[in-house]
Amino acid sequence: MLRLFVLYTALSLTANAAAAADLGALKSGDMRKLVVYEQPLATPELPFVDETGAEHRLTEFRGKVVLLNLWATWCAPCRVEMPGLDALQGELGGADFQVVTLATGRNPQPKIAKFFDEAGVTRLPRFQDEKQTLSRAMGVMGLPVSVLIDRDGHEVARLIGEADWNGPEARAVIGALIAD
């Protein structure tokens, strides 16, 4: 039994390293800033809320590749990248992929709604991490931060700062994760 566990662990590590190498090979354009991990990281199972106050967790999205975008209403780069995230969700969102937007810090729902309306965002969730519990647990120090999460709920890559998430380079990275 121990030998099977050791073999499984070795195969998993090899597969994770191969997947990381595949993503690393796709780092061009805005994705040059993408930090790809050799070993996926566990994501915290901490709650955040939607516009009705209902609690949610990242575990709800297991089985899908997730692009978790941590942002704030006062963040100028967030305003620039949000329409691209909305378009990406509109085109790729479904059974295999989900963009999860999480306003972190003091971002009351009326301000989030106004931000989305002004940016023309209609397909993204209005999740909120007001006390920054999840964002702190994930080591987020500035905004925006975008985290790629695999189907098993593990963080596989992170990009700090603004990016064109609807561009061909980002789509290639996301496509590789979906196909994996």
Protein backbone atom coordinates (compact mmCIF):
# COMPACT_ATOMS: atom_id res chain seq x y z
CA MET A 1 0.00 0.00 0.00
CA LEU A 2 2.82 2.38 0.86
CA ARG A 3 4.50 1.65 -2.48
CA LEU A 4 1.28 2.56 -4.33
CA PHE A 5 1.04 5.82 -2.40
CA VAL A 6 4.68 6.67 -3.17
CA LEU A 7 4.15 5.83 -6.85
CA TYR A 8 0.95 7.92 -6.99
CA THR A 9 2.71 10.85 -5.29
CA ALA A 10 5.65 10.63 -7.70
CA LEU A 11 3.32 10.54 -10.71
CA SER A 12 1.33 13.49 -9.37
CA LEU A 13 4.48 15.55 -8.81
CA THR A 14 5.68 14.70 -12.32
CA ALA A 15 2.29 15.65 -13.79
CA ASN A 16 2.22 18.92 -11.81
CA ALA A 17 5.74 19.82 -12.95
CA ALA A 18 4.78 19.04 -16.57
CA ALA A 19 1.64 21.18 -16.31
CA ALA A 20 3.66 24.04 -14.81
CA ALA A 21 6.19 23.76 -17.64
CA ASP A 22 3.34 23.86 -20.18
CA LEU A 23 1.92 27.05 -18.65
CA GLY A 24 5.39 28.55 -18.36
CA ALA A 25 5.90 28.06 -22.09
CA LEU A 26 2.79 30.20 -22.74
CA LYS A 27 4.08 33.26 -20.88
CA SER A 28 4.04 36.04 -23.46
CA GLY A 29 2.39 39.44 -23.80
CA ASP A 30 0.55 40.38 -20.60
CA MET A 31 1.07 36.83 -19.37
CA ARG A 32 4.84 37.45 -19.00
CA LYS A 33 4.01 38.60 -15.45
CA LEU A 34 2.28 35.29 -14.65
CA VAL A 35 3.96 33.37 -11.83
CA VAL A 36 3.45 29.64 -12.43
CA TYR A 37 4.01 27.27 -9.50
CA GLU A 38 5.81 23.95 -9.87
CA GLN A 39 3.60 22.62 -7.10
CA PRO A 40 -0.02 23.85 -6.87
CA LEU A 41 -0.98 25.61 -3.65
CA ALA A 42 -4.03 24.86 -1.54
CA THR A 43 -6.63 27.63 -1.56
CA PRO A 44 -8.22 28.73 1.73
CA GLU A 45 -11.75 27.56 2.43
CA LEU A 46 -12.79 30.91 3.88
CA PRO A 47 -16.18 32.48 3.19
CA PHE A 48 -17.04 35.57 1.15
CA VAL A 49 -20.48 36.98 0.34
CA ASP A 50 -22.56 37.87 -2.70
CA GLU A 51 -24.75 40.95 -3.18
CA THR A 52 -27.54 39.37 -1.08
CA GLY A 53 -25.19 38.61 1.83
CA ALA A 54 -25.22 34.85 1.17
CA GLU A 55 -21.94 33.09 1.99
CA HIS A 56 -19.86 31.36 -0.66
CA ARG A 57 -16.52 29.54 -0.77
CA LEU A 58 -14.07 28.70 -3.52
CA THR A 59 -14.95 25.02 -3.01
CA GLU A 60 -18.25 25.73 -4.83
CA PHE A 61 -16.28 25.98 -8.07
CA ARG A 62 -14.43 22.65 -7.85
CA GLY A 63 -14.49 20.85 -11.17
CA LYS A 64 -13.99 24.11 -13.07
CA VAL A 65 -10.91 26.12 -13.90
CA VAL A 66 -11.33 29.42 -12.04
CA LEU A 67 -9.85 32.83 -12.68
CA LEU A 68 -10.19 34.54 -9.29
CA ASN A 69 -9.79 38.28 -9.65
CA LEU A 70 -9.30 40.28 -6.45
CA TRP A 71 -10.11 43.94 -7.00
CA ALA A 72 -11.56 47.13 -5.47
CA THR A 73 -13.87 49.90 -6.65
CA TRP A 74 -11.14 52.53 -6.08
CA CYS A 75 -8.55 50.60 -8.15
CA ALA A 76 -7.87 52.27 -11.54
CA PRO A 77 -6.19 49.19 -13.12
CA CYS A 78 -9.18 47.11 -11.98
CA ARG A 79 -11.50 49.40 -13.94
CA VAL A 80 -9.36 48.86 -17.06
CA GLU A 81 -9.29 45.05 -16.88
CA MET A 82 -12.86 44.36 -15.71
CA PRO A 83 -14.53 44.61 -19.17
CA GLY A 84 -12.06 42.02 -20.52
CA LEU A 85 -12.86 39.69 -17.63
CA ASP A 86 -16.57 40.14 -18.36
CA ALA A 87 -16.05 39.33 -22.06
CA LEU A 88 -13.94 36.29 -21.13
CA GLN A 89 -16.71 34.99 -18.86
CA GLY A 90 -19.26 35.58 -21.61
CA GLU A 91 -17.28 33.53 -24.12
CA LEU A 92 -15.67 30.79 -21.99
CA GLY A 93 -17.81 30.68 -18.86
CA GLY A 94 -19.75 27.49 -18.27
CA ALA A 95 -19.18 23.93 -17.14
CA ASP A 96 -15.38 24.13 -17.50
CA PHE A 97 -14.51 27.71 -16.60
CA GLN A 98 -15.61 30.55 -14.31
CA VAL A 99 -14.36 34.07 -13.66
CA VAL A 100 -14.87 34.88 -9.98
CA THR A 101 -14.53 38.57 -9.12
CA LEU A 102 -14.01 39.34 -5.45
CA ALA A 103 -14.05 42.94 -4.23
CA THR A 104 -11.73 43.05 -1.26
CA GLY A 105 -11.85 45.62 1.54
CA ARG A 106 -14.43 48.37 1.93
CA ASN A 107 -16.46 48.10 -1.23
CA PRO A 108 -20.15 48.43 -0.38
CA GLN A 109 -22.53 46.67 -2.77
CA PRO A 110 -23.97 49.95 -4.14
CA LYS A 111 -20.43 51.03 -5.15
CA ILE A 112 -19.75 47.61 -6.69
CA ALA A 113 -23.02 47.86 -8.65
CA LYS A 114 -22.13 51.38 -9.83
CA PHE A 115 -18.62 50.23 -10.82
CA PHE A 116 -20.03 47.31 -12.84
CA ASP A 117 -22.65 49.53 -14.50
CA GLU A 118 -20.07 52.17 -15.48
CA ALA A 119 -17.69 49.49 -16.82
CA GLY A 120 -20.48 47.69 -18.72
CA VAL A 121 -19.97 44.49 -16.72
CA THR A 122 -23.02 42.21 -16.84
CA ARG A 123 -21.77 38.60 -16.57
CA LEU A 124 -19.56 38.62 -13.47
CA PRO A 125 -20.52 37.85 -9.88
CA ARG A 126 -20.51 40.65 -7.31
CA PHE A 127 -18.69 38.82 -4.55
CA GLN A 128 -17.24 40.73 -1.63
CA ASP A 129 -14.50 40.06 0.97
CA GLU A 130 -15.10 43.13 3.12
CA LYS A 131 -12.87 42.09 6.02
CA GLN A 132 -10.20 40.84 3.59
CA THR A 133 -10.19 37.45 5.28
CA LEU A 134 -9.68 35.44 2.10
CA SER A 135 -7.40 37.95 0.41
CA ARG A 136 -5.11 38.13 3.47
CA ALA A 137 -5.01 34.34 3.75
CA MET A 138 -3.93 34.27 0.10
CA GLY A 139 -1.18 36.85 0.72
CA VAL A 140 -2.69 39.60 -1.44
CA MET A 141 -0.83 42.84 -0.80
CA GLY A 142 -1.99 45.06 -3.69
CA LEU A 143 -4.65 45.09 -6.38
CA PRO A 144 -5.57 43.77 -8.81
CA VAL A 145 -4.42 40.20 -8.32
CA SER A 146 -5.60 37.37 -10.53
CA VAL A 147 -5.25 33.76 -9.41
CA LEU A 148 -5.66 30.74 -11.68
CA ILE A 149 -7.17 27.78 -9.85
CA ASP A 150 -7.27 24.27 -11.31
CA ARG A 151 -10.27 21.94 -11.28
CA ASP A 152 -9.13 20.46 -7.94
CA GLY A 153 -9.23 23.87 -6.25
CA HIS A 154 -5.46 24.49 -6.20
CA GLU A 155 -3.76 27.74 -7.09
CA VAL A 156 -1.51 27.04 -10.08
CA ALA A 157 -0.52 30.56 -11.11
CA ARG A 158 -0.85 34.20 -10.08
CA LEU A 159 -0.57 37.54 -11.83
CA ILE A 160 -0.13 40.76 -9.89
CA GLY A 161 -1.34 43.87 -11.65
CA GLU A 162 -3.49 44.61 -14.66
CA ALA A 163 -3.69 42.24 -17.62
CA ASP A 164 -5.75 41.74 -20.74
CA TRP A 165 -7.54 38.57 -19.66
CA ASN A 166 -9.52 38.49 -22.89
CA GLY A 167 -6.40 38.63 -25.07
CA PRO A 168 -4.91 35.71 -27.01
CA GLU A 169 -2.06 35.13 -24.54
CA ALA A 170 -4.44 34.82 -21.57
CA ARG A 171 -6.82 32.64 -23.56
CA ALA A 172 -3.94 30.30 -24.42
CA VAL A 173 -3.06 29.91 -20.73
CA ILE A 174 -6.69 29.38 -19.71
CA GLY A 175 -7.24 27.00 -22.62
CA ALA A 176 -4.26 24.90 -21.52
CA LEU A 177 -5.70 24.65 -18.00
CA ILE A 178 -9.15 23.72 -19.29
CA ALA A 179 -7.67 21.04 -21.59
CA ASP A 180 -5.48 19.61 -18.81
